[in-house]
């Protein structure tokens, strides 16, 4: 399902025009991105959590050149679904 499919589905179910739904979905996603960029987790009860995970520094290998490189510690966004969400998908 794409963002356009989501917008169409919401517009069909609510009767709100697609332009308004698209603006709302875009604002929702932008708010989540800004919160994660500011190291703030986002919790949506009954749906899941968008959290920042920290990856430790590690050593990796470049197989083609047979050298090692250091990958620095970094943060990545992650999604953890709520228990009710997981039970619905099963």
N, C-alpha and C. Protein backbone atom coordinates (compact mmCIF):
# COMPACT_ATOMS: atom_id res chain seq x y z
N UNK A 1 0.85 -1.17 0.00
CA UNK A 1 0.00 0.00 0.00
C UNK A 1 0.89 1.23 0.00
N UNK A 2 0.61 2.17 -0.89
CA UNK A 2 1.40 3.39 -1.00
C UNK A 2 0.71 4.53 -0.25
N UNK A 3 1.42 5.65 -0.17
CA UNK A 3 0.84 6.83 0.48
C UNK A 3 -0.43 7.27 -0.25
N UNK A 4 -0.42 7.19 -1.59
CA UNK A 4 -1.60 7.57 -2.37
C UNK A 4 -2.77 6.65 -2.05
N UNK A 5 -2.50 5.36 -1.87
CA UNK A 5 -3.57 4.41 -1.50
C UNK A 5 -4.14 4.74 -0.13
N UNK A 6 -3.27 5.11 0.79
CA UNK A 6 -3.72 5.48 2.14
C UNK A 6 -4.60 6.72 2.07
N UNK A 7 -4.16 7.72 1.31
CA UNK A 7 -4.94 8.96 1.17
C UNK A 7 -6.30 8.65 0.55
N UNK A 8 -6.33 7.84 -0.49
CA UNK A 8 -7.60 7.48 -1.13
C UNK A 8 -8.53 6.74 -0.17
N UNK A 9 -7.99 5.83 0.60
CA UNK A 9 -8.79 5.05 1.55
C UNK A 9 -9.37 5.95 2.64
N UNK A 10 -8.55 6.84 3.19
CA UNK A 10 -9.03 7.74 4.24
C UNK A 10 -10.09 8.68 3.67
N UNK A 11 -9.86 9.20 2.48
CA UNK A 11 -10.83 10.11 1.85
C UNK A 11 -12.15 9.40 1.61
N UNK A 12 -12.08 8.15 1.17
CA UNK A 12 -13.31 7.38 0.91
C UNK A 12 -14.07 7.10 2.20
N UNK A 13 -13.33 6.74 3.27
CA UNK A 13 -13.98 6.37 4.54
C UNK A 13 -14.53 7.57 5.31
N UNK A 14 -13.90 8.74 5.15
CA UNK A 14 -14.32 9.89 5.95
C UNK A 14 -15.13 10.92 5.17
N UNK A 15 -15.04 10.90 3.85
CA UNK A 15 -15.75 11.89 3.05
C UNK A 15 -15.02 13.22 2.94
N UNK A 16 -13.80 13.27 3.44
CA UNK A 16 -12.98 14.48 3.35
C UNK A 16 -12.26 14.46 2.00
N UNK A 17 -12.09 15.64 1.40
CA UNK A 17 -11.46 15.68 0.09
C UNK A 17 -9.99 15.22 0.17
N UNK A 18 -9.49 14.69 -0.93
CA UNK A 18 -8.15 14.09 -0.97
C UNK A 18 -7.05 15.09 -0.66
N UNK A 19 -7.22 16.34 -1.09
CA UNK A 19 -6.18 17.35 -0.84
C UNK A 19 -5.99 17.58 0.65
N UNK A 20 -7.09 17.64 1.40
CA UNK A 20 -7.01 17.84 2.85
C UNK A 20 -6.39 16.63 3.53
N UNK A 21 -6.79 15.45 3.08
CA UNK A 21 -6.24 14.22 3.67
C UNK A 21 -4.75 14.13 3.38
N UNK A 22 -4.34 14.44 2.16
CA UNK A 22 -2.92 14.41 1.80
C UNK A 22 -2.12 15.38 2.65
N UNK A 23 -2.65 16.60 2.84
CA UNK A 23 -1.96 17.59 3.68
C UNK A 23 -1.82 17.09 5.11
N UNK A 24 -2.85 16.43 5.62
CA UNK A 24 -2.82 15.91 6.99
C UNK A 24 -1.80 14.78 7.11
N UNK A 25 -1.80 13.86 6.15
CA UNK A 25 -0.86 12.74 6.19
C UNK A 25 0.58 13.25 6.08
N UNK A 26 0.80 14.21 5.19
CA UNK A 26 2.14 14.80 5.04
C UNK A 26 2.59 15.48 6.34
N UNK A 27 1.67 16.23 6.98
CA UNK A 27 2.00 16.92 8.24
C UNK A 27 2.29 15.90 9.33
N UNK A 28 1.54 14.80 9.36
CA UNK A 28 1.76 13.74 10.34
C UNK A 28 3.15 13.14 10.20
N UNK A 29 3.52 12.80 8.96
CA UNK A 29 4.83 12.20 8.72
C UNK A 29 5.95 13.19 9.01
N UNK A 30 5.77 14.44 8.66
CA UNK A 30 6.79 15.46 8.92
C UNK A 30 6.99 15.67 10.42
N UNK A 31 5.89 15.64 11.18
CA UNK A 31 5.97 15.79 12.63
C UNK A 31 6.75 14.64 13.26
N UNK A 32 6.50 13.43 12.78
CA UNK A 32 7.24 12.27 13.30
C UNK A 32 8.72 12.40 12.97
N UNK A 33 9.05 12.79 11.73
CA UNK A 33 10.46 12.95 11.34
C UNK A 33 11.15 14.01 12.18
N UNK A 34 10.48 15.14 12.41
CA UNK A 34 11.07 16.21 13.21
C UNK A 34 11.30 15.76 14.65
N UNK A 35 10.32 15.03 15.21
CA UNK A 35 10.47 14.55 16.58
C UNK A 35 11.65 13.59 16.70
N UNK A 36 11.78 12.67 15.75
CA UNK A 36 12.89 11.73 15.80
C UNK A 36 14.22 12.44 15.57
N UNK A 37 14.24 13.46 14.72
CA UNK A 37 15.47 14.22 14.49
C UNK A 37 15.90 14.95 15.76
N UNK A 38 14.93 15.31 16.61
CA UNK A 38 15.23 15.97 17.88
C UNK A 38 15.40 14.96 19.01
N UNK A 39 15.59 13.69 18.68
CA UNK A 39 15.78 12.59 19.65
C UNK A 39 14.60 12.42 20.58
N UNK A 40 13.40 12.70 20.09
CA UNK A 40 12.18 12.49 20.87
C UNK A 40 11.43 11.30 20.26
N UNK A 41 11.12 10.31 21.09
CA UNK A 41 10.37 9.16 20.62
C UNK A 41 8.90 9.54 20.43
N UNK A 42 8.21 8.84 19.55
CA UNK A 42 6.79 9.09 19.28
C UNK A 42 6.02 7.83 19.65
N UNK A 43 5.04 7.97 20.56
CA UNK A 43 4.25 6.84 21.03
C UNK A 43 2.80 7.01 20.58
N UNK A 44 2.31 6.04 19.82
CA UNK A 44 0.92 6.05 19.37
C UNK A 44 0.24 4.83 20.00
N UNK A 45 -0.51 5.09 21.07
CA UNK A 45 -1.13 4.01 21.83
C UNK A 45 -2.03 3.16 20.94
N UNK A 46 -1.85 1.84 21.01
CA UNK A 46 -2.63 0.91 20.22
C UNK A 46 -2.08 0.68 18.82
N UNK A 47 -1.07 1.46 18.42
CA UNK A 47 -0.47 1.31 17.10
C UNK A 47 0.99 0.91 17.21
N UNK A 48 1.78 1.73 17.89
CA UNK A 48 3.19 1.41 18.06
C UNK A 48 4.01 2.64 18.40
N UNK A 49 5.30 2.47 18.43
CA UNK A 49 6.22 3.53 18.81
C UNK A 49 7.30 3.70 17.75
N UNK A 50 7.59 4.95 17.44
CA UNK A 50 8.73 5.29 16.60
C UNK A 50 9.82 5.73 17.56
N UNK A 51 10.92 5.01 17.58
CA UNK A 51 11.98 5.27 18.55
C UNK A 51 13.32 5.42 17.83
N UNK A 52 14.26 6.03 18.53
CA UNK A 52 15.63 6.17 18.05
C UNK A 52 16.47 5.09 18.73
N UNK A 53 17.13 4.26 17.91
CA UNK A 53 18.03 3.25 18.45
C UNK A 53 19.46 3.69 18.18
N UNK A 54 20.33 3.42 19.14
CA UNK A 54 21.73 3.78 18.98
C UNK A 54 22.53 2.54 18.63
N UNK A 55 23.27 2.63 17.56
CA UNK A 55 24.14 1.55 17.13
C UNK A 55 25.56 1.86 17.60
N UNK A 56 26.22 0.86 18.16
CA UNK A 56 27.58 1.03 18.65
C UNK A 56 28.56 1.04 17.48
N UNK A 57 29.74 1.58 17.74
CA UNK A 57 30.81 1.55 16.74
C UNK A 57 31.20 0.11 16.48
N UNK A 58 31.48 -0.21 15.22
CA UNK A 58 31.88 -1.59 14.93
C UNK A 58 32.90 -1.61 13.79
N UNK A 59 33.58 -2.72 13.70
CA UNK A 59 34.58 -2.92 12.66
C UNK A 59 33.96 -3.80 11.58
N UNK A 60 34.11 -3.38 10.33
CA UNK A 60 33.57 -4.14 9.21
C UNK A 60 34.70 -4.42 8.22
N UNK A 61 34.44 -5.31 7.27
CA UNK A 61 35.45 -5.65 6.28
C UNK A 61 34.98 -5.31 4.89
N UNK A 62 35.89 -4.77 4.11
CA UNK A 62 35.66 -4.57 2.69
C UNK A 62 36.26 -5.79 2.01
N UNK A 63 35.42 -6.71 1.60
CA UNK A 63 35.89 -8.00 1.09
C UNK A 63 36.69 -7.85 -0.21
N UNK A 64 36.27 -6.93 -1.08
CA UNK A 64 36.96 -6.79 -2.37
C UNK A 64 38.39 -6.27 -2.21
N UNK A 65 38.63 -5.41 -1.23
CA UNK A 65 39.98 -4.86 -1.02
C UNK A 65 40.70 -5.54 0.14
N UNK A 66 39.99 -6.42 0.85
CA UNK A 66 40.53 -7.13 2.01
C UNK A 66 41.07 -6.16 3.06
N UNK A 67 40.28 -5.13 3.36
CA UNK A 67 40.66 -4.16 4.38
C UNK A 67 39.54 -4.07 5.41
N UNK A 68 39.89 -3.51 6.54
CA UNK A 68 38.88 -3.29 7.57
C UNK A 68 38.58 -1.80 7.66
N UNK A 69 37.34 -1.50 7.99
CA UNK A 69 36.93 -0.12 8.18
C UNK A 69 36.16 -0.02 9.49
N UNK A 70 36.19 1.16 10.07
CA UNK A 70 35.47 1.42 11.31
C UNK A 70 34.16 2.12 10.94
N UNK A 71 33.04 1.55 11.36
CA UNK A 71 31.75 2.21 11.20
C UNK A 71 31.45 2.91 12.52
N UNK A 72 31.35 4.23 12.50
CA UNK A 72 31.16 4.97 13.76
C UNK A 72 29.79 4.70 14.38
N UNK A 73 29.68 4.99 15.66
CA UNK A 73 28.40 4.87 16.36
C UNK A 73 27.42 5.85 15.71
N UNK A 74 26.18 5.42 15.59
CA UNK A 74 25.17 6.27 14.96
C UNK A 74 23.78 5.91 15.47
N UNK A 75 22.83 6.76 15.18
CA UNK A 75 21.45 6.54 15.59
C UNK A 75 20.61 6.22 14.36
N UNK A 76 19.63 5.31 14.54
CA UNK A 76 18.72 4.98 13.44
C UNK A 76 17.29 4.98 13.96
N UNK A 77 16.33 5.36 13.11
CA UNK A 77 14.93 5.29 13.53
C UNK A 77 14.43 3.85 13.44
N UNK A 78 13.51 3.51 14.32
CA UNK A 78 12.94 2.16 14.32
C UNK A 78 11.47 2.25 14.71
N UNK A 79 10.70 1.25 14.31
CA UNK A 79 9.29 1.18 14.68
C UNK A 79 9.06 -0.08 15.47
N UNK A 80 8.40 0.06 16.62
CA UNK A 80 8.06 -1.10 17.43
C UNK A 80 6.54 -1.15 17.53
N UNK A 81 5.90 -2.15 16.92
CA UNK A 81 4.44 -2.21 16.94
C UNK A 81 3.90 -2.53 18.34
N UNK A 82 2.70 -2.03 18.63
CA UNK A 82 2.04 -2.31 19.90
C UNK A 82 1.54 -3.76 19.90
N UNK A 83 1.30 -4.30 21.08
CA UNK A 83 0.85 -5.69 21.19
C UNK A 83 -0.48 -5.89 20.48
N UNK A 84 -1.39 -4.92 20.57
CA UNK A 84 -2.68 -5.05 19.90
C UNK A 84 -2.52 -5.05 18.39
N UNK A 85 -1.55 -4.27 17.90
CA UNK A 85 -1.26 -4.23 16.46
C UNK A 85 -0.73 -5.59 16.00
N UNK A 86 0.19 -6.16 16.76
CA UNK A 86 0.78 -7.45 16.42
C UNK A 86 -0.28 -8.54 16.42
N UNK A 87 -1.17 -8.52 17.42
CA UNK A 87 -2.19 -9.55 17.50
C UNK A 87 -3.20 -9.42 16.35
N UNK A 88 -3.41 -8.22 15.84
CA UNK A 88 -4.32 -8.02 14.71
C UNK A 88 -3.72 -8.56 13.43
N UNK A 89 -2.41 -8.42 13.25
CA UNK A 89 -1.73 -8.84 12.03
C UNK A 89 -1.60 -10.35 11.96
N UNK A 90 -1.46 -11.01 13.11
CA UNK A 90 -1.27 -12.48 13.13
C UNK A 90 -2.41 -13.15 12.52
